[in-house]
Structure formats: C-alpha cells, structure tokens
N, C-alpha and C. Protein backbone atom coordinates (compact mmCIF):
# COMPACT_ATOMS: atom_id res chain seq x y z
N MET A 1 -11.75 -101.50 273.72
CA MET A 1 -12.39 -100.21 274.05
C MET A 1 -13.72 -100.14 273.33
N ILE A 2 -14.72 -99.58 274.02
CA ILE A 2 -16.08 -99.52 273.47
C ILE A 2 -16.29 -98.13 272.92
N ARG A 3 -16.77 -98.14 271.64
CA ARG A 3 -17.09 -96.87 270.99
C ARG A 3 -18.59 -96.63 271.05
N ILE A 4 -18.95 -95.35 271.35
CA ILE A 4 -20.37 -94.99 271.46
C ILE A 4 -20.67 -93.97 270.38
N ASN A 5 -21.74 -94.23 269.63
CA ASN A 5 -22.17 -93.35 268.56
C ASN A 5 -23.08 -92.29 269.15
N LEU A 6 -22.57 -91.09 269.39
CA LEU A 6 -23.34 -90.02 269.99
C LEU A 6 -24.21 -89.31 268.98
N LEU A 7 -23.90 -89.39 267.70
CA LEU A 7 -24.69 -88.70 266.68
C LEU A 7 -25.99 -89.41 266.39
N GLY A 8 -26.03 -90.66 266.64
CA GLY A 8 -27.25 -91.43 266.39
C GLY A 8 -27.46 -91.79 264.95
N GLN A 9 -26.41 -91.70 264.12
CA GLN A 9 -26.51 -92.07 262.71
C GLN A 9 -25.98 -93.49 262.51
N THR A 10 -26.56 -94.07 261.51
CA THR A 10 -26.15 -95.44 261.20
C THR A 10 -24.84 -95.40 260.41
N ARG A 11 -23.92 -96.17 260.85
CA ARG A 11 -22.60 -96.23 260.20
C ARG A 11 -22.71 -97.01 258.89
N PRO A 12 -22.30 -96.42 257.83
CA PRO A 12 -22.39 -97.14 256.53
C PRO A 12 -21.49 -98.37 256.53
N LYS A 13 -22.03 -99.40 255.88
CA LYS A 13 -21.27 -100.65 255.79
C LYS A 13 -20.18 -100.50 254.72
N ALA A 14 -19.10 -101.17 254.99
CA ALA A 14 -17.98 -101.13 254.03
C ALA A 14 -18.35 -101.98 252.81
N GLY A 15 -18.29 -101.39 251.61
CA GLY A 15 -18.62 -102.14 250.38
C GLY A 15 -17.48 -103.05 249.92
N ARG A 16 -17.81 -104.09 249.17
CA ARG A 16 -16.78 -105.02 248.65
C ARG A 16 -16.06 -104.42 247.45
N ARG A 17 -14.82 -104.65 247.41
CA ARG A 17 -14.01 -104.14 246.29
C ARG A 17 -14.27 -105.00 245.02
N PRO A 18 -14.52 -104.38 243.87
CA PRO A 18 -14.80 -105.15 242.63
C PRO A 18 -13.56 -105.95 242.20
N VAL A 19 -13.80 -107.18 241.74
CA VAL A 19 -12.70 -108.07 241.28
C VAL A 19 -12.41 -107.76 239.81
N ASP A 20 -11.13 -107.59 239.49
CA ASP A 20 -10.69 -107.31 238.10
C ASP A 20 -10.50 -108.65 237.37
N THR A 21 -11.52 -109.00 236.55
CA THR A 21 -11.44 -110.28 235.79
C THR A 21 -10.64 -110.16 234.51
N GLY A 22 -10.31 -108.93 234.11
CA GLY A 22 -9.56 -108.76 232.85
C GLY A 22 -8.18 -109.36 232.92
N ALA A 23 -7.54 -109.35 234.04
CA ALA A 23 -6.19 -109.91 234.15
C ALA A 23 -6.21 -111.42 234.24
N ALA A 24 -7.34 -112.02 234.64
CA ALA A 24 -7.38 -113.48 234.81
C ALA A 24 -7.70 -114.20 233.51
N LEU A 25 -8.37 -113.51 232.55
CA LEU A 25 -8.74 -114.16 231.30
C LEU A 25 -7.53 -114.71 230.52
N PRO A 26 -6.46 -113.94 230.38
CA PRO A 26 -5.31 -114.52 229.65
C PRO A 26 -4.78 -115.78 230.32
N LEU A 27 -4.79 -115.81 231.64
CA LEU A 27 -4.30 -117.03 232.32
C LEU A 27 -5.20 -118.22 232.02
N VAL A 28 -6.53 -117.93 231.95
CA VAL A 28 -7.46 -119.02 231.64
C VAL A 28 -7.21 -119.57 230.24
N PHE A 29 -7.07 -118.64 229.29
CA PHE A 29 -6.81 -119.08 227.91
C PHE A 29 -5.49 -119.83 227.79
N ILE A 30 -4.50 -119.34 228.52
CA ILE A 30 -3.20 -120.02 228.49
C ILE A 30 -3.33 -121.44 229.05
N GLY A 31 -4.09 -121.57 230.13
CA GLY A 31 -4.28 -122.90 230.71
C GLY A 31 -5.01 -123.84 229.78
N ILE A 32 -6.10 -123.27 229.15
CA ILE A 32 -6.85 -124.09 228.21
C ILE A 32 -5.97 -124.50 227.03
N GLY A 33 -5.18 -123.53 226.51
CA GLY A 33 -4.29 -123.84 225.38
C GLY A 33 -3.26 -124.89 225.75
N ALA A 34 -2.72 -124.74 226.97
CA ALA A 34 -1.73 -125.72 227.42
C ALA A 34 -2.36 -127.11 227.53
N ALA A 35 -3.60 -127.16 228.04
CA ALA A 35 -4.27 -128.46 228.17
C ALA A 35 -4.55 -129.08 226.81
N VAL A 36 -5.06 -128.20 225.88
CA VAL A 36 -5.31 -128.72 224.51
C VAL A 36 -4.02 -129.18 223.85
N GLY A 37 -2.96 -128.36 224.00
CA GLY A 37 -1.68 -128.76 223.43
C GLY A 37 -1.16 -130.06 224.00
N LEU A 38 -1.33 -130.22 225.31
CA LEU A 38 -0.90 -131.47 225.95
C LEU A 38 -1.67 -132.66 225.41
N VAL A 39 -3.01 -132.46 225.21
CA VAL A 39 -3.82 -133.54 224.66
C VAL A 39 -3.37 -133.89 223.24
N VAL A 40 -3.12 -132.83 222.43
CA VAL A 40 -2.67 -133.08 221.05
C VAL A 40 -1.32 -133.79 221.04
N LEU A 41 -0.40 -133.34 221.91
CA LEU A 41 0.91 -133.99 221.98
C LEU A 41 0.78 -135.45 222.40
N LEU A 42 -0.10 -135.69 223.37
CA LEU A 42 -0.30 -137.07 223.80
C LEU A 42 -0.89 -137.92 222.67
N TYR A 43 -1.79 -137.32 221.88
CA TYR A 43 -2.39 -138.05 220.77
C TYR A 43 -1.33 -138.40 219.71
N PHE A 44 -0.53 -137.36 219.34
CA PHE A 44 0.53 -137.61 218.35
C PHE A 44 1.57 -138.59 218.89
N TYR A 45 1.88 -138.47 220.15
CA TYR A 45 2.85 -139.40 220.75
C TYR A 45 2.31 -140.82 220.70
N HIS A 46 1.02 -140.96 221.03
CA HIS A 46 0.43 -142.29 220.99
C HIS A 46 0.40 -142.83 219.56
N SER A 47 0.07 -141.94 218.59
CA SER A 47 0.03 -142.38 217.19
C SER A 47 1.42 -142.79 216.71
N LEU A 48 2.41 -141.94 217.00
CA LEU A 48 3.78 -142.26 216.59
C LEU A 48 4.29 -143.53 217.27
N GLN A 49 3.93 -143.70 218.53
CA GLN A 49 4.35 -144.90 219.24
C GLN A 49 3.71 -146.15 218.63
N THR A 50 2.42 -146.00 218.25
CA THR A 50 1.75 -147.13 217.60
C THR A 50 2.40 -147.46 216.26
N GLN A 51 2.70 -146.41 215.46
CA GLN A 51 3.37 -146.63 214.18
C GLN A 51 4.75 -147.26 214.38
N LEU A 52 5.46 -146.78 215.40
CA LEU A 52 6.78 -147.32 215.68
C LEU A 52 6.69 -148.80 216.05
N ASN A 53 5.69 -149.12 216.87
CA ASN A 53 5.51 -150.52 217.24
C ASN A 53 5.17 -151.38 216.03
N ASP A 54 4.29 -150.82 215.15
CA ASP A 54 3.94 -151.56 213.94
C ASP A 54 5.17 -151.77 213.04
N GLU A 55 5.98 -150.72 212.89
CA GLU A 55 7.17 -150.83 212.06
C GLU A 55 8.16 -151.83 212.66
N ASN A 56 8.31 -151.80 213.97
CA ASN A 56 9.21 -152.77 214.62
C ASN A 56 8.70 -154.19 214.42
N SER A 57 7.37 -154.34 214.49
CA SER A 57 6.79 -155.66 214.27
C SER A 57 7.03 -156.13 212.83
N LYS A 58 6.87 -155.20 211.86
CA LYS A 58 7.13 -155.54 210.47
C LYS A 58 8.60 -155.89 210.26
N ILE A 59 9.48 -155.12 210.92
CA ILE A 59 10.92 -155.40 210.79
C ILE A 59 11.25 -156.78 211.33
N LYS A 60 10.66 -157.13 212.46
CA LYS A 60 10.89 -158.47 213.01
C LYS A 60 10.37 -159.56 212.07
N THR A 61 9.17 -159.30 211.49
CA THR A 61 8.61 -160.29 210.56
C THR A 61 9.47 -160.45 209.33
N LEU A 62 9.92 -159.29 208.76
CA LEU A 62 10.77 -159.35 207.57
C LEU A 62 12.12 -159.99 207.88
N THR A 63 12.64 -159.72 209.06
CA THR A 63 13.91 -160.34 209.45
C THR A 63 13.76 -161.85 209.55
N ALA A 64 12.65 -162.29 210.13
CA ALA A 64 12.41 -163.72 210.22
C ALA A 64 12.24 -164.34 208.84
N GLN A 65 11.51 -163.63 207.95
CA GLN A 65 11.35 -164.12 206.59
C GLN A 65 12.68 -164.16 205.85
N LYS A 66 13.52 -163.15 206.06
CA LYS A 66 14.83 -163.13 205.43
C LYS A 66 15.67 -164.31 205.89
N THR A 67 15.60 -164.61 207.18
CA THR A 67 16.35 -165.76 207.69
C THR A 67 15.85 -167.06 207.06
N GLU A 68 14.52 -167.18 206.95
CA GLU A 68 13.95 -168.39 206.32
C GLU A 68 14.36 -168.48 204.85
N LEU A 69 14.34 -167.33 204.15
CA LEU A 69 14.74 -167.34 202.74
C LEU A 69 16.21 -167.68 202.57
N GLN A 70 17.05 -167.21 203.47
CA GLN A 70 18.46 -167.57 203.41
C GLN A 70 18.66 -169.07 203.60
N VAL A 71 17.89 -169.64 204.52
CA VAL A 71 17.97 -171.09 204.73
C VAL A 71 17.51 -171.83 203.48
N ILE A 72 16.39 -171.34 202.89
CA ILE A 72 15.88 -171.97 201.67
C ILE A 72 16.88 -171.82 200.53
N LYS A 73 17.50 -170.63 200.43
CA LYS A 73 18.50 -170.41 199.39
C LYS A 73 19.67 -171.36 199.54
N GLN A 74 20.13 -171.55 200.76
CA GLN A 74 21.23 -172.49 201.00
C GLN A 74 20.82 -173.91 200.61
N GLN A 75 19.57 -174.28 200.94
CA GLN A 75 19.10 -175.61 200.56
C GLN A 75 19.03 -175.76 199.04
N VAL A 76 18.53 -174.70 198.36
CA VAL A 76 18.45 -174.74 196.89
C VAL A 76 19.85 -174.87 196.29
N GLU A 77 20.81 -174.10 196.80
CA GLU A 77 22.18 -174.19 196.30
C GLU A 77 22.75 -175.58 196.52
N ALA A 78 22.46 -176.15 197.69
CA ALA A 78 22.94 -177.52 197.96
C ALA A 78 22.29 -178.51 196.99
N PHE A 79 20.98 -178.33 196.72
CA PHE A 79 20.29 -179.21 195.77
C PHE A 79 20.87 -179.04 194.36
N GLU A 80 21.19 -177.80 193.98
CA GLU A 80 21.76 -177.57 192.66
C GLU A 80 23.11 -178.26 192.52
N LYS A 81 23.93 -178.19 193.58
CA LYS A 81 25.22 -178.87 193.53
C LYS A 81 25.03 -180.38 193.43
N GLN A 82 24.09 -180.91 194.22
CA GLN A 82 23.82 -182.34 194.12
C GLN A 82 23.29 -182.71 192.74
N LYS A 83 22.46 -181.82 192.17
CA LYS A 83 21.93 -182.08 190.84
C LYS A 83 23.05 -182.12 189.81
N GLN A 84 24.00 -181.18 189.90
CA GLN A 84 25.12 -181.17 188.96
C GLN A 84 25.96 -182.43 189.10
N VAL A 85 26.20 -182.83 190.35
CA VAL A 85 26.98 -184.06 190.57
C VAL A 85 26.26 -185.27 189.98
N LEU A 86 24.93 -185.34 190.22
CA LEU A 86 24.16 -186.46 189.69
C LEU A 86 24.12 -186.44 188.17
N GLN A 87 24.00 -185.23 187.58
CA GLN A 87 24.00 -185.13 186.13
C GLN A 87 25.33 -185.58 185.55
N GLN A 88 26.42 -185.21 186.21
CA GLN A 88 27.73 -185.66 185.74
C GLN A 88 27.84 -187.18 185.82
N ARG A 89 27.34 -187.74 186.93
CA ARG A 89 27.38 -189.20 187.06
C ARG A 89 26.53 -189.87 186.00
N VAL A 90 25.33 -189.31 185.78
CA VAL A 90 24.45 -189.89 184.76
C VAL A 90 25.11 -189.78 183.39
N GLY A 91 25.76 -188.63 183.12
CA GLY A 91 26.45 -188.47 181.84
C GLY A 91 27.56 -189.49 181.65
N VAL A 92 28.33 -189.73 182.72
CA VAL A 92 29.40 -190.73 182.64
C VAL A 92 28.83 -192.12 182.40
N ILE A 93 27.74 -192.44 183.14
CA ILE A 93 27.12 -193.76 182.97
C ILE A 93 26.57 -193.92 181.55
N GLU A 94 25.91 -192.86 181.04
CA GLU A 94 25.39 -192.94 179.68
C GLU A 94 26.51 -193.07 178.66
N GLN A 95 27.61 -192.35 178.89
CA GLN A 95 28.74 -192.46 177.98
C GLN A 95 29.33 -193.87 177.99
N LEU A 96 29.47 -194.43 179.20
CA LEU A 96 29.97 -195.80 179.30
C LEU A 96 29.01 -196.78 178.65
N GLN A 97 27.71 -196.54 178.83
CA GLN A 97 26.72 -197.41 178.21
C GLN A 97 26.80 -197.32 176.69
N ARG A 98 26.97 -196.09 176.17
CA ARG A 98 27.09 -195.93 174.72
C ARG A 98 28.35 -196.60 174.20
N ASP A 99 29.44 -196.47 174.97
CA ASP A 99 30.69 -197.10 174.53
C ASP A 99 30.59 -198.62 174.55
N ARG A 100 29.83 -199.15 175.51
CA ARG A 100 29.74 -200.60 175.63
C ARG A 100 28.72 -201.19 174.67
N THR A 101 27.62 -200.44 174.43
CA THR A 101 26.56 -200.97 173.59
C THR A 101 27.03 -201.05 172.14
N GLY A 102 26.82 -202.20 171.53
CA GLY A 102 27.14 -202.36 170.12
C GLY A 102 28.61 -202.51 169.83
N GLY A 103 29.44 -202.73 170.85
CA GLY A 103 30.87 -202.84 170.59
C GLY A 103 31.20 -204.03 169.72
N GLN A 104 30.60 -205.17 170.01
CA GLN A 104 30.87 -206.37 169.22
C GLN A 104 30.34 -206.22 167.80
N GLU A 105 29.13 -205.61 167.66
CA GLU A 105 28.60 -205.39 166.31
C GLU A 105 29.48 -204.45 165.51
N LEU A 106 30.02 -203.44 166.24
CA LEU A 106 30.89 -202.49 165.55
C LEU A 106 32.15 -203.18 165.03
N LEU A 107 32.75 -204.04 165.86
CA LEU A 107 33.94 -204.77 165.43
C LEU A 107 33.62 -205.70 164.26
N ASP A 108 32.47 -206.37 164.35
CA ASP A 108 32.08 -207.25 163.25
C ASP A 108 31.88 -206.47 161.95
N MET A 109 31.25 -205.28 162.08
CA MET A 109 31.02 -204.48 160.89
C MET A 109 32.33 -204.05 160.25
N VAL A 110 33.30 -203.59 161.09
CA VAL A 110 34.60 -203.16 160.55
C VAL A 110 35.32 -204.34 159.91
N ALA A 111 35.29 -205.49 160.57
CA ALA A 111 35.97 -206.66 160.01
C ALA A 111 35.35 -207.07 158.67
N ASN A 112 34.02 -207.07 158.59
CA ASN A 112 33.37 -207.42 157.33
C ASN A 112 33.65 -206.40 156.25
N THR A 113 33.69 -205.11 156.63
CA THR A 113 33.98 -204.07 155.65
C THR A 113 35.39 -204.23 155.10
N VAL A 114 36.35 -204.51 155.98
CA VAL A 114 37.73 -204.69 155.52
C VAL A 114 37.83 -205.93 154.63
N SER A 115 37.14 -207.01 155.02
CA SER A 115 37.22 -208.24 154.23
C SER A 115 36.59 -208.08 152.85
N ARG A 116 35.58 -207.19 152.73
CA ARG A 116 34.94 -206.97 151.43
C ARG A 116 35.69 -205.98 150.56
N THR A 117 36.61 -205.23 151.16
CA THR A 117 37.39 -204.26 150.40
C THR A 117 38.67 -204.93 149.90
N GLU A 118 38.83 -205.00 148.62
CA GLU A 118 39.98 -205.68 148.04
C GLU A 118 41.25 -204.86 148.20
N ASN A 119 42.34 -205.57 148.38
CA ASN A 119 43.67 -204.96 148.44
C ASN A 119 43.78 -203.92 149.55
N LEU A 120 43.18 -204.20 150.71
CA LEU A 120 43.26 -203.28 151.86
C LEU A 120 43.29 -204.09 153.13
N TRP A 121 44.10 -203.66 154.07
CA TRP A 121 44.17 -204.31 155.37
C TRP A 121 44.49 -203.25 156.44
N LEU A 122 44.02 -203.51 157.64
CA LEU A 122 44.23 -202.59 158.76
C LEU A 122 45.40 -203.08 159.61
N SER A 123 46.19 -202.10 160.07
CA SER A 123 47.29 -202.42 160.99
C SER A 123 46.95 -202.08 162.43
N SER A 124 46.03 -201.11 162.65
CA SER A 124 45.62 -200.76 164.01
C SER A 124 44.27 -200.05 163.96
N MET A 125 43.55 -200.17 165.07
CA MET A 125 42.27 -199.47 165.23
C MET A 125 42.19 -199.03 166.69
N THR A 126 42.19 -197.71 166.93
CA THR A 126 42.24 -197.15 168.28
C THR A 126 40.97 -196.34 168.52
N ARG A 127 40.33 -196.63 169.65
CA ARG A 127 39.12 -195.90 170.00
C ARG A 127 39.40 -194.96 171.16
N LYS A 128 38.94 -193.71 171.04
CA LYS A 128 39.06 -192.71 172.09
C LYS A 128 37.74 -191.97 172.17
N GLY A 129 36.94 -192.33 173.19
CA GLY A 129 35.61 -191.72 173.30
C GLY A 129 34.73 -192.21 172.18
N ASN A 130 34.19 -191.28 171.39
CA ASN A 130 33.35 -191.62 170.25
C ASN A 130 34.10 -191.56 168.93
N THR A 131 35.41 -191.50 168.98
CA THR A 131 36.22 -191.41 167.78
C THR A 131 37.09 -192.65 167.65
N ILE A 132 37.15 -193.19 166.44
CA ILE A 132 37.99 -194.33 166.14
C ILE A 132 38.99 -193.92 165.07
N ALA A 133 40.26 -194.25 165.30
CA ALA A 133 41.32 -193.97 164.34
C ALA A 133 41.75 -195.29 163.69
N PHE A 134 41.71 -195.33 162.36
CA PHE A 134 42.14 -196.50 161.59
C PHE A 134 43.48 -196.21 160.95
N GLU A 135 44.35 -197.16 160.99
CA GLU A 135 45.61 -197.09 160.27
C GLU A 135 45.78 -198.40 159.51
N GLY A 136 46.26 -198.26 158.26
CA GLY A 136 46.43 -199.47 157.47
C GLY A 136 47.14 -199.17 156.18
N ALA A 137 47.07 -200.12 155.27
CA ALA A 137 47.74 -200.00 153.99
C ALA A 137 46.84 -200.60 152.91
N SER A 138 47.08 -200.17 151.69
CA SER A 138 46.30 -200.67 150.56
C SER A 138 47.18 -200.66 149.33
N ALA A 139 46.71 -201.38 148.35
CA ALA A 139 47.47 -201.45 147.10
C ALA A 139 47.12 -200.31 146.16
N SER A 140 46.06 -199.55 146.45
CA SER A 140 45.67 -198.45 145.59
C SER A 140 44.87 -197.42 146.39
N ILE A 141 44.81 -196.22 145.82
CA ILE A 141 44.01 -195.16 146.44
C ILE A 141 42.53 -195.49 146.34
N ASN A 142 42.13 -196.15 145.26
CA ASN A 142 40.72 -196.50 145.10
C ASN A 142 40.24 -197.42 146.21
N ALA A 143 41.10 -198.30 146.70
CA ALA A 143 40.71 -199.19 147.79
C ALA A 143 40.44 -198.39 149.06
N VAL A 144 41.24 -197.37 149.30
CA VAL A 144 41.01 -196.51 150.47
C VAL A 144 39.68 -195.78 150.33
N ALA A 145 39.42 -195.25 149.13
CA ALA A 145 38.16 -194.55 148.89
C ALA A 145 36.97 -195.49 149.06
N ASN A 146 37.09 -196.73 148.59
CA ASN A 146 36.00 -197.70 148.75
C ASN A 146 35.77 -198.03 150.22
N PHE A 147 36.85 -198.11 150.99
CA PHE A 147 36.73 -198.39 152.42
C PHE A 147 36.01 -197.26 153.15
N ILE A 148 36.36 -196.02 152.81
CA ILE A 148 35.70 -194.86 153.42
C ILE A 148 34.22 -194.84 153.06
N THR A 149 33.90 -195.12 151.81
CA THR A 149 32.50 -195.14 151.38
C THR A 149 31.72 -196.22 152.12
N ALA A 150 32.33 -197.38 152.33
CA ALA A 150 31.66 -198.46 153.05
C ALA A 150 31.42 -198.09 154.51
N LEU A 151 32.37 -197.40 155.14
CA LEU A 151 32.19 -196.96 156.52
C LEU A 151 31.04 -195.96 156.64
N LYS A 152 30.95 -195.05 155.67
CA LYS A 152 29.88 -194.05 155.71
C LYS A 152 28.51 -194.69 155.51
N ARG A 153 28.44 -195.69 154.64
CA ARG A 153 27.16 -196.32 154.35
C ARG A 153 26.74 -197.32 155.43
N SER A 154 27.65 -197.69 156.30
CA SER A 154 27.32 -198.69 157.32
C SER A 154 26.30 -198.18 158.34
N GLY A 155 26.25 -196.85 158.57
CA GLY A 155 25.33 -196.30 159.56
C GLY A 155 25.91 -196.25 160.96
N TYR A 156 27.10 -196.80 161.15
CA TYR A 156 27.73 -196.78 162.47
C TYR A 156 28.55 -195.51 162.69
N PHE A 157 28.83 -194.77 161.63
CA PHE A 157 29.67 -193.59 161.74
C PHE A 157 28.96 -192.40 161.11
N GLN A 158 29.09 -191.24 161.75
CA GLN A 158 28.46 -190.03 161.24
C GLN A 158 29.46 -189.08 160.60
N LYS A 159 30.75 -189.33 160.75
CA LYS A 159 31.75 -188.46 160.16
C LYS A 159 33.01 -189.27 159.93
N VAL A 160 33.38 -189.44 158.68
CA VAL A 160 34.57 -190.20 158.31
C VAL A 160 35.49 -189.29 157.53
N GLU A 161 36.72 -189.13 157.97
CA GLU A 161 37.70 -188.25 157.32
C GLU A 161 39.02 -188.99 157.17
N ILE A 162 39.66 -188.75 156.05
CA ILE A 162 40.99 -189.30 155.84
C ILE A 162 42.02 -188.29 156.32
N LYS A 163 42.88 -188.70 157.21
CA LYS A 163 43.88 -187.81 157.78
C LYS A 163 45.17 -187.79 156.97
N GLU A 164 45.54 -188.94 156.45
CA GLU A 164 46.80 -189.02 155.72
C GLU A 164 46.73 -190.18 154.73
N SER A 165 47.30 -189.97 153.58
CA SER A 165 47.42 -191.03 152.57
C SER A 165 48.71 -190.78 151.80
N ARG A 166 49.64 -191.71 151.90
CA ARG A 166 50.95 -191.55 151.26
C ARG A 166 51.45 -192.90 150.78
N GLN A 167 52.31 -192.81 149.81
CA GLN A 167 52.89 -194.04 149.27
C GLN A 167 54.05 -194.49 150.14
N ASP A 168 54.10 -195.78 150.38
CA ASP A 168 55.16 -196.36 151.21
C ASP A 168 56.43 -196.43 150.37
N GLU A 169 57.41 -195.58 150.69
CA GLU A 169 58.67 -195.54 149.94
C GLU A 169 59.62 -196.65 150.34
N LYS A 170 59.38 -197.26 151.51
CA LYS A 170 60.28 -198.34 151.94
C LYS A 170 60.06 -199.60 151.11
N ASN A 171 58.82 -199.85 150.76
CA ASN A 171 58.51 -201.05 149.98
C ASN A 171 58.52 -200.66 148.50
N THR A 172 59.67 -200.82 147.87
CA THR A 172 59.81 -200.45 146.47
C THR A 172 59.37 -201.55 145.52
N GLY A 173 59.28 -202.78 146.02
CA GLY A 173 58.90 -203.87 145.14
C GLY A 173 57.44 -203.84 144.77
N VAL A 174 56.57 -203.48 145.70
CA VAL A 174 55.12 -203.46 145.46
C VAL A 174 54.60 -202.07 145.82
N GLN A 175 53.74 -201.54 144.99
CA GLN A 175 53.16 -200.23 145.27
C GLN A 175 52.17 -200.34 146.44
N THR A 176 52.47 -199.60 147.51
CA THR A 176 51.65 -199.66 148.72
C THR A 176 51.38 -198.24 149.21
N PHE A 177 50.14 -198.01 149.62
CA PHE A 177 49.74 -196.70 150.16
C PHE A 177 49.38 -196.86 151.63
N MET A 178 49.99 -196.02 152.47
CA MET A 178 49.68 -195.99 153.89
C MET A 178 48.60 -194.93 154.13
N PHE A 179 47.66 -195.21 154.99
CA PHE A 179 46.57 -194.26 155.23
C PHE A 179 46.22 -194.23 156.72
N GLN A 180 45.64 -193.10 157.10
CA GLN A 180 45.09 -192.88 158.43
C GLN A 180 43.70 -192.27 158.28
N ILE A 181 42.72 -192.87 158.93
CA ILE A 181 41.33 -192.43 158.82
C ILE A 181 40.75 -192.27 160.22
N SER A 182 39.99 -191.22 160.43
CA SER A 182 39.28 -191.01 161.70
C SER A 182 37.78 -191.02 161.43
N ALA A 183 37.03 -191.59 162.35
CA ALA A 183 35.57 -191.69 162.20
C ALA A 183 34.92 -191.50 163.56
N GLU A 184 33.80 -190.77 163.57
CA GLU A 184 33.03 -190.56 164.78
C GLU A 184 31.87 -191.55 164.82
N ILE A 185 31.74 -192.23 165.97
CA ILE A 185 30.70 -193.25 166.10
C ILE A 185 29.34 -192.59 166.30
N SER A 186 28.36 -193.06 165.56
CA SER A 186 27.00 -192.57 165.74
C SER A 186 26.40 -193.18 166.99
N PRO A 187 25.42 -192.51 167.63
CA PRO A 187 24.72 -193.13 168.77
C PRO A 187 24.10 -194.43 168.34
N PRO A 188 24.01 -195.41 169.27
CA PRO A 188 23.46 -196.73 168.91
C PRO A 188 22.08 -196.65 168.30
N GLN A 189 21.21 -195.70 168.80
CA GLN A 189 19.85 -195.65 168.28
C GLN A 189 19.80 -195.10 166.87
N ALA A 190 20.89 -194.44 166.44
CA ALA A 190 20.89 -193.86 165.10
C ALA A 190 21.25 -194.88 164.03
N VAL A 191 21.67 -196.08 164.41
CA VAL A 191 22.07 -197.09 163.43
C VAL A 191 20.82 -197.82 162.93
N PRO A 192 20.47 -197.68 161.67
CA PRO A 192 19.30 -198.40 161.16
C PRO A 192 19.54 -199.90 161.21
N ALA A 193 18.46 -200.63 161.50
CA ALA A 193 18.59 -202.08 161.61
C ALA A 193 18.97 -202.71 160.29
N THR A 194 18.39 -202.19 159.19
CA THR A 194 18.68 -202.77 157.88
C THR A 194 20.14 -202.55 157.50
N GLN A 195 20.67 -201.36 157.80
CA GLN A 195 22.07 -201.09 157.50
C GLN A 195 22.99 -201.92 158.36
N ALA A 196 22.61 -202.13 159.66
CA ALA A 196 23.44 -202.93 160.54
C ALA A 196 23.52 -204.36 160.05
N LYS A 197 22.38 -204.89 159.55
CA LYS A 197 22.38 -206.25 159.05
C LYS A 197 23.20 -206.36 157.78
N SER A 198 23.03 -205.34 156.90
CA SER A 198 23.77 -205.39 155.64
C SER A 198 25.25 -205.21 155.86
N ALA A 199 25.63 -204.43 156.92
CA ALA A 199 27.04 -204.21 157.17
C ALA A 199 27.69 -205.42 157.79
N SER A 200 26.95 -206.15 158.65
CA SER A 200 27.52 -207.30 159.34
C SER A 200 27.44 -208.57 158.53
N ALA A 201 26.46 -208.67 157.65
CA ALA A 201 26.28 -209.90 156.87
C ALA A 201 27.22 -209.90 155.69
N PRO A 202 27.83 -211.04 155.35
CA PRO A 202 28.70 -211.10 154.17
C PRO A 202 27.89 -210.93 152.90
N SER A 203 28.55 -210.41 151.90
CA SER A 203 27.86 -210.18 150.64
C SER A 203 27.50 -211.50 149.99
N GLN A 204 26.30 -211.59 149.43
CA GLN A 204 25.81 -212.79 148.78
C GLN A 204 26.11 -212.72 147.30
N PRO A 205 26.60 -213.78 146.75
CA PRO A 205 26.86 -213.75 145.30
C PRO A 205 25.56 -213.68 144.54
N ALA A 206 25.63 -213.04 143.40
CA ALA A 206 24.44 -212.90 142.56
C ALA A 206 24.03 -214.25 142.04
N ALA A 207 22.74 -214.41 141.93
CA ALA A 207 22.22 -215.70 141.44
C ALA A 207 22.63 -215.91 140.00
N ALA A 208 23.10 -217.10 139.74
CA ALA A 208 23.54 -217.41 138.38
C ALA A 208 22.33 -217.50 137.47
N SER A 209 22.51 -216.94 136.29
CA SER A 209 21.40 -216.98 135.35
C SER A 209 21.21 -218.38 134.81
N ALA A 210 20.01 -218.73 134.54
CA ALA A 210 19.69 -220.07 134.06
C ALA A 210 20.29 -220.28 132.68
N PRO A 211 20.87 -221.43 132.44
CA PRO A 211 21.45 -221.68 131.10
C PRO A 211 20.37 -221.68 130.03
N ALA A 212 20.79 -221.15 128.92
CA ALA A 212 19.81 -221.09 127.81
C ALA A 212 19.54 -222.49 127.29
N LYS A 213 18.31 -222.73 126.99
CA LYS A 213 17.92 -224.04 126.46
C LYS A 213 18.33 -224.15 124.98
N LYS A 214 18.77 -225.29 124.68
CA LYS A 214 19.13 -225.54 123.30
C LYS A 214 17.87 -225.82 122.48
N GLY A 215 17.82 -225.22 121.32
CA GLY A 215 16.68 -225.42 120.48
C GLY A 215 16.80 -226.66 119.63
C-alpha cells in the first residue's frame, strides 16, 4: 500500500539506538585475563615439563652410573678375593722356603752344639713350623744350662725355653737328668754369618804356649 504525505512535512529519520559498552567491558577483561592466565599456565607447564625431562635424564644417567659402579664393585671384590688367595699361597711358599732354607746348617749346628756340651745327649728333636722341641738327658743340670746358652748364642734361635727338667728315678746307678727344651727358629736372614760359622765349626784348641828356654 502506498502512503501519501498530505501535510507536506519531511518525516524525521529514525535515530540509532546508543550501544551500552559498560556491560561489555567486564567480558573483555575476563577474556584478556583468561588469555594471560592460559599463557602463564602454558609457560609454567613448559618449564615444569622441561625440569621433569631434565630430572628424568639425570635419573637415567645416575642409574647407568650406579650399574657401572656395581659392576666395578663386583670386579674389585673378585680382585680382593684373588689377592687374598694369592697372598695365602705366597705365605705358604715363603713358609716352606723358610723351613727348607738352612735346614742342613741347622742340623749341623745342633749336632756340633751337642758334641761340644759335655755329659749331654739328645734322644729326639721334633720340628713343628718354626718351633723345635728337644728331648734328652744329661749327667748334670749345668750341662743342660750350657746347652741352652749355646743354642741362644748360635743365632739360629730367638727364644729358647726349658719345659721340663727332672732326675731320672729309674736309673739309680748313675745320676741322670731328663730335660725338654723348646726353641723358636729365627728367620734365615737374621742368622749372622760369623755366628753361623762359629756354631758349625768345631772348637779349635788353644795354641800351646812355647816352652821356656833354659838359661
């Protein structure tokens, strides 16, 4: 339908309604805050993730090092056991070497000592490790004391002790003393050469004095 303006006046134009921006500002701030918060959360998440990755990497490295150290520890323990076994073997070999070294000289020294001690004889001589046990008889206590003194001065023994000394009651015809002596053998290097020679060599008689000249 067509409308005709009979008054001849211009119809006023409809004005635009004003927009209320007051209600939109809080939404804008909320959006900005949410965006900033999201960025901050993403930053912290990235930082924490990086730290977590670094810690996991360190844990893997330490675990690998721990495994290597355990292997090394096992190897060290195995070496220590082998070392103990070798030390025991070396100790046994050294002990056997010490027992074997100087055995003949030791027997010669004991035989010469007994032969130089008057009224004394040995019935047995038993060696156990570095200890020798002497058993014998003598006609007097002084002979036993002289034998002990000779053993001490020989340089082959570092400890000489008398275990028992008693008179033989079975032999009533002759006074006889039974004795037991123990002595510890000195290491071969501890025996002085001069003492070894003097112990093994028979005693030399003193030179006879020259007869006085007749005047």
